[in-house]
Amino acid sequence: MKYKESKPSKALTHYIHTYWELKGEASSHHWERIFPDGCPGLIINLGDSCTTDNGRAIMEHGKTYVVGAMTTYKESFVSENTHLVGVCLQPAAFSSFFAYAPLSELKNNTVLFDRNLSFEKDLFFNGTYTNYLNRFFTERKNDASMSLAPAVTTVQALKGRITVEELAKQHGFSIRQLERLFNDFIGLTPKEYTNIMRLQNALNLIASQTEPTALLDIAFECGYYDHSHLTNAIKHHTGFLPSKL
């Protein structure tokens, strides 16, 4: 399997995290697992039909799909004829490009996108699709969801170590207002999003350690009560025990 990422133009960096491309190889015949990161996205399938969402959905050739924010892991089957190009949006950025139903309706799901809003398949085979995607999103950009951006930035800066009550108070929202904004623009509740940011921090610490570090120390650093609390969170969101990561 070949996987590569590329960055969007500077004008889009506050809205798009990365563009990515995945191609199967002759030896590819496996389920590929990804973990929740709090970001919705878009995928166009340029290869054979691809089974995703742990077997619950199929992405057909040439069609564009919207991928809702995840609260748990997702697996897609990769074969030698798999070819996907995706866009990982920044949290809350989806509504800066598209008028759509509350993203909470898409949580943990991959859904066929509106044909009138979809990517043009033929523009992905000349090797310059990054320029095409930059134009595609630049022409549609607005600031519909920017009111939530400061709160999202706070959660990211604190790596999820903030309560919903503290977050709402700090940014001048009622708890109900904050929950509505998160559900509409990200597709997750504020609590789900802070939990995912805290988990991502823990996974990064586990992956980057150069010498064995006690799981309890990582748990405390990331705001978990104890190592069991962290273990249960990792198992829920990734399907793995920490020792299997």
Protein backbone atom coordinates (compact mmCIF):
# COMPACT_ATOMS: atom_id res chain seq x y z
CA MET A 1 0.00 0.00 0.00
CA LYS A 2 1.26 3.46 -0.91
CA TYR A 3 0.11 6.47 1.09
CA LYS A 4 1.13 10.10 0.72
CA GLU A 5 -0.03 13.46 2.03
CA SER A 6 0.24 16.99 0.66
CA LYS A 7 -0.63 20.37 2.12
CA PRO A 8 -3.22 22.79 0.75
CA SER A 9 -2.40 26.32 -0.38
CA LYS A 10 -1.62 28.86 2.36
CA ALA A 11 -5.03 30.47 1.96
CA LEU A 12 -6.68 27.18 2.94
CA THR A 13 -4.50 26.05 5.86
CA HIS A 14 -7.04 27.25 8.45
CA TYR A 15 -9.70 25.16 6.74
CA ILE A 16 -7.95 22.06 5.41
CA HIS A 17 -5.49 19.90 7.32
CA THR A 18 -4.19 17.82 4.43
CA TYR A 19 -4.87 16.16 1.11
CA TRP A 20 -4.04 12.46 0.98
CA GLU A 21 -3.83 9.63 -1.54
CA LEU A 22 -3.93 5.87 -0.94
CA LYS A 23 -3.09 3.28 -3.61
CA GLY A 24 -3.16 -0.48 -3.24
CA GLU A 25 -0.31 -2.69 -4.46
CA ALA A 26 -0.11 -6.26 -5.72
CA SER A 27 0.44 -7.49 -2.16
CA SER A 28 -2.45 -5.46 -0.71
CA HIS A 29 -5.29 -7.53 0.70
CA HIS A 30 -6.12 -6.32 4.18
CA TRP A 31 -8.31 -4.12 6.36
CA GLU A 32 -6.75 -0.72 7.06
CA ARG A 33 -7.71 0.83 10.39
CA ILE A 34 -7.81 4.56 11.18
CA PHE A 35 -8.41 6.21 14.53
CA PRO A 36 -10.72 9.16 15.32
CA ASP A 37 -9.15 12.62 15.02
CA GLY A 38 -12.20 14.90 15.28
CA CYS A 39 -12.10 15.89 11.60
CA PRO A 40 -14.71 15.35 8.87
CA GLY A 41 -13.54 14.83 5.31
CA LEU A 42 -14.26 14.05 1.68
CA ILE A 43 -13.11 11.07 -0.39
CA ILE A 44 -13.28 10.33 -4.11
CA ASN A 45 -12.87 6.71 -5.18
CA LEU A 46 -10.70 6.43 -8.29
CA GLY A 47 -10.29 2.65 -8.10
CA ASP A 48 -12.50 -0.41 -7.69
CA SER A 49 -15.41 -0.37 -5.25
CA CYS A 50 -14.08 -0.07 -1.70
CA THR A 51 -15.70 -1.46 1.43
CA THR A 52 -15.46 0.87 4.43
CA ASP A 53 -17.07 1.69 7.79
CA ASN A 54 -16.13 -1.77 9.10
CA GLY A 55 -18.07 -3.40 6.27
CA ARG A 56 -21.21 -1.24 6.54
CA ALA A 57 -20.66 0.94 3.44
CA ILE A 58 -19.28 0.64 -0.08
CA MET A 59 -17.65 3.51 -1.99
CA GLU A 60 -18.20 3.12 -5.73
CA HIS A 61 -15.80 4.11 -8.50
CA GLY A 62 -15.85 7.76 -9.54
CA LYS A 63 -18.10 8.95 -6.74
CA THR A 64 -17.40 11.45 -3.93
CA TYR A 65 -18.28 10.68 -0.32
CA VAL A 66 -18.45 12.78 2.82
CA VAL A 67 -16.94 11.18 5.91
CA GLY A 68 -18.32 12.27 9.25
CA ALA A 69 -16.20 12.81 12.35
CA MET A 70 -15.53 9.56 14.19
CA THR A 71 -15.81 8.57 17.83
CA THR A 72 -14.29 5.14 17.31
CA TYR A 73 -12.02 3.39 14.82
CA LYS A 74 -12.95 2.68 11.20
CA GLU A 75 -11.65 -0.01 8.86
CA SER A 76 -11.58 -0.02 5.05
CA PHE A 77 -10.56 -2.96 2.88
CA VAL A 78 -7.51 -2.29 0.71
CA SER A 79 -6.84 -4.38 -2.41
CA GLU A 80 -4.40 -3.99 -5.29
CA ASN A 81 -7.03 -1.96 -7.19
CA THR A 82 -7.81 0.46 -4.36
CA HIS A 83 -7.21 4.13 -5.23
CA LEU A 84 -8.63 6.82 -2.96
CA VAL A 85 -7.97 10.55 -2.76
CA GLY A 86 -9.17 12.34 0.34
CA VAL A 87 -9.39 15.72 2.01
CA CYS A 88 -9.01 15.95 5.78
CA LEU A 89 -10.78 19.15 6.80
CA GLN A 90 -9.97 21.11 9.92
CA PRO A 91 -12.57 20.70 12.67
CA ALA A 92 -15.60 22.96 12.05
CA ALA A 93 -14.41 23.82 8.52
CA PHE A 94 -16.95 21.76 6.57
CA SER A 95 -19.59 24.51 6.72
CA SER A 96 -17.06 26.99 5.40
CA PHE A 97 -17.44 25.27 2.03
CA PHE A 98 -20.86 23.61 1.99
CA ALA A 99 -24.37 24.27 3.29
CA TYR A 100 -25.33 20.89 4.69
CA ALA A 101 -27.37 19.18 7.37
CA PRO A 102 -25.96 19.21 10.92
CA LEU A 103 -22.79 17.14 10.79
CA SER A 104 -23.96 15.16 13.81
CA GLU A 105 -26.14 13.27 11.31
CA LEU A 106 -22.96 12.00 9.63
CA LYS A 107 -21.07 10.93 12.77
CA ASN A 108 -19.18 7.64 12.20
CA ASN A 109 -20.66 7.31 8.70
CA THR A 110 -19.50 7.55 5.08
CA VAL A 111 -22.27 8.97 2.87
CA LEU A 112 -22.56 9.59 -0.87
CA PHE A 113 -22.14 13.33 -1.47
CA ASP A 114 -24.43 15.56 -3.50
CA ARG A 115 -23.51 15.10 -7.16
CA ASN A 116 -23.58 18.86 -7.82
CA LEU A 117 -20.98 19.41 -5.07
CA SER A 118 -18.76 16.43 -5.88
CA PHE A 119 -15.28 16.37 -7.34
CA GLU A 120 -14.74 15.96 -11.09
CA LYS A 121 -13.22 12.50 -11.48
CA ASP A 122 -11.43 13.21 -14.76
CA LEU A 123 -9.35 15.98 -13.17
CA PHE A 124 -7.57 13.52 -10.86
CA PHE A 125 -5.65 11.54 -13.46
CA ASN A 126 -3.24 14.18 -14.78
CA GLY A 127 -1.06 14.26 -11.65
CA THR A 128 -2.00 17.81 -10.67
CA TYR A 129 -5.08 17.19 -8.56
CA THR A 130 -3.66 19.27 -5.69
CA ASN A 131 -4.03 22.41 -7.83
CA TYR A 132 -7.55 21.34 -8.74
CA LEU A 133 -8.49 20.81 -5.08
CA ASN A 134 -7.03 24.20 -4.12
CA ARG A 135 -9.21 25.87 -6.76
CA PHE A 136 -12.23 23.77 -5.82
CA PHE A 137 -12.15 24.85 -2.17
CA THR A 138 -10.98 28.44 -2.73
CA GLU A 139 -14.01 29.10 -4.94
CA ARG A 140 -16.37 27.85 -2.21
CA LYS A 141 -14.74 29.31 0.91
CA ASN A 142 -16.78 31.37 3.38
CA ASP A 143 -16.61 31.98 7.12
CA ALA A 144 -19.86 30.30 8.15
CA SER A 145 -18.36 28.38 11.08
CA MET A 146 -15.65 30.76 12.25
CA SER A 147 -17.53 31.62 15.46
CA LEU A 148 -16.58 28.17 16.78
CA ALA A 149 -12.93 28.33 15.70
CA PRO A 150 -11.57 29.97 18.91
CA ALA A 151 -13.17 27.29 21.08
CA VAL A 152 -11.75 24.53 18.88
CA THR A 153 -8.31 26.16 19.06
CA THR A 154 -8.54 26.22 22.86
CA VAL A 155 -9.34 22.50 23.02
CA GLN A 156 -6.44 21.71 20.70
CA ALA A 157 -4.00 23.92 22.62
CA LEU A 158 -4.96 22.26 25.92
CA LYS A 159 -4.93 18.81 24.27
CA GLY A 160 -8.43 18.12 25.49
CA ARG A 161 -7.76 18.91 29.15
CA ILE A 162 -10.69 21.27 29.69
CA THR A 163 -14.26 20.69 30.81
CA VAL A 164 -17.25 21.63 28.68
CA GLU A 165 -18.31 24.09 31.37
CA GLU A 166 -14.91 25.81 31.36
CA LEU A 167 -14.84 25.94 27.57
CA ALA A 168 -18.30 27.49 27.34
CA LYS A 169 -17.54 30.11 29.99
CA GLN A 170 -14.18 31.04 28.47
CA HIS A 171 -15.73 31.73 25.05
CA GLY A 172 -19.01 33.33 26.13
CA PHE A 173 -21.38 30.50 25.23
CA SER A 174 -24.01 28.75 27.27
CA ILE A 175 -23.44 25.00 27.48
CA ARG A 176 -26.47 24.45 25.27
CA GLN A 177 -25.17 26.90 22.64
CA LEU A 178 -21.75 25.23 22.64
CA GLU A 179 -23.27 21.79 22.24
CA ARG A 180 -25.42 22.95 19.32
CA LEU A 181 -22.45 24.56 17.55
CA PHE A 182 -20.26 21.49 17.97
CA ASN A 183 -23.02 19.18 16.74
CA ASP A 184 -23.78 21.40 13.73
CA PHE A 185 -20.26 22.30 12.63
CA ILE A 186 -18.09 19.36 13.76
CA GLY A 187 -20.59 16.55 14.21
CA LEU A 188 -19.46 15.71 17.74
CA THR A 189 -20.49 16.92 21.17
CA PRO A 190 -17.93 19.11 22.98
CA LYS A 191 -17.27 16.21 25.36
CA GLU A 192 -16.64 13.79 22.50
CA TYR A 193 -14.27 16.25 20.87
CA THR A 194 -12.26 16.94 24.05
CA ASN A 195 -12.03 13.19 24.66
CA ILE A 196 -10.65 12.61 21.17
CA MET A 197 -8.07 15.41 21.52
CA ARG A 198 -6.97 13.95 24.85
CA LEU A 199 -6.72 10.48 23.27
CA GLN A 200 -4.68 11.83 20.33
CA ASN A 201 -2.22 13.34 22.80
CA ALA A 202 -1.87 10.02 24.60
CA LEU A 203 -1.37 8.11 21.34
CA ASN A 204 1.30 10.59 20.24
CA LEU A 205 3.15 10.21 23.55
CA ILE A 206 3.02 6.41 23.32
CA ALA A 207 4.25 6.45 19.72
CA SER A 208 7.06 8.95 20.32
CA GLN A 209 8.61 7.51 23.47
CA THR A 210 12.27 6.62 22.96
CA GLU A 211 12.45 4.54 26.11
CA PRO A 212 9.74 2.68 28.05
CA THR A 213 7.42 5.03 29.92
CA ALA A 214 4.93 3.84 32.53
CA LEU A 215 1.38 3.97 31.21
CA LEU A 216 0.36 5.55 34.49
CA ASP A 217 2.69 8.51 33.85
CA ILE A 218 1.21 9.01 30.38
CA ALA A 219 -2.29 8.73 31.85
CA PHE A 220 -1.64 11.47 34.40
CA GLU A 221 0.04 13.73 31.84
CA CYS A 222 -3.00 13.46 29.56
CA GLY A 223 -5.59 14.00 32.28
CA TYR A 224 -6.79 10.44 32.86
CA TYR A 225 -7.55 9.23 36.38
CA ASP A 226 -5.26 6.19 36.18
CA HIS A 227 -3.81 3.70 33.71
CA SER A 228 -7.09 1.72 33.60
CA HIS A 229 -8.98 4.85 32.54
CA LEU A 230 -6.48 5.43 29.73
CA THR A 231 -6.48 1.75 28.70
CA ASN A 232 -10.27 1.72 28.43
CA ALA A 233 -10.26 4.95 26.37
CA ILE A 234 -7.65 3.59 23.96
CA LYS A 235 -9.52 0.29 23.56
CA HIS A 236 -12.83 2.08 22.93
CA HIS A 237 -11.47 4.51 20.33
CA THR A 238 -8.93 2.27 18.55
CA GLY A 239 -10.00 -1.32 19.22
CA PHE A 240 -6.52 -2.06 20.53
CA LEU A 241 -4.95 -2.39 23.95
CA PRO A 242 -2.01 0.01 24.52
CA SER A 243 0.45 -2.89 24.25
CA LYS A 244 -0.76 -3.61 20.69
CA LEU A 245 -0.33 -0.09 19.33
